[in-house]
């Protein structure tokens, strides 16, 4: 249902830097509710080969879809200045880099409620 998807997506605030903790929490909730959090829950599987099972190929395809769509959703809520110069291709790695980048704003918000 398009309306439900739009409502979930619009609940994610635009990242300002000062709201990183809340932004990340909302992102994770929305991705989970949309069943797009596979790329957060597991490491990227290796590319399937000719001998890979259909089940493994499906897991890989689902992970790729989760990663791709999750990144599109996240990048839509982040100003370009926070994205960096590198090509972003891995959701978990990108969020880990964002954690490092905004660690100081999270610490500051704990001491300045």
Foldseek 3Di string as FASTA:
>chain_A
DVVVLVVLLVVQAQDPLLCVVVNVVSLCVSCVVVVLCLLVVDPQDDADDPPDDPVVNVSNVSNQVSQVVSVVSNVVRYPPVLQDDDDDRGDNVSVVVVCVVSVVSVVVVVVVD
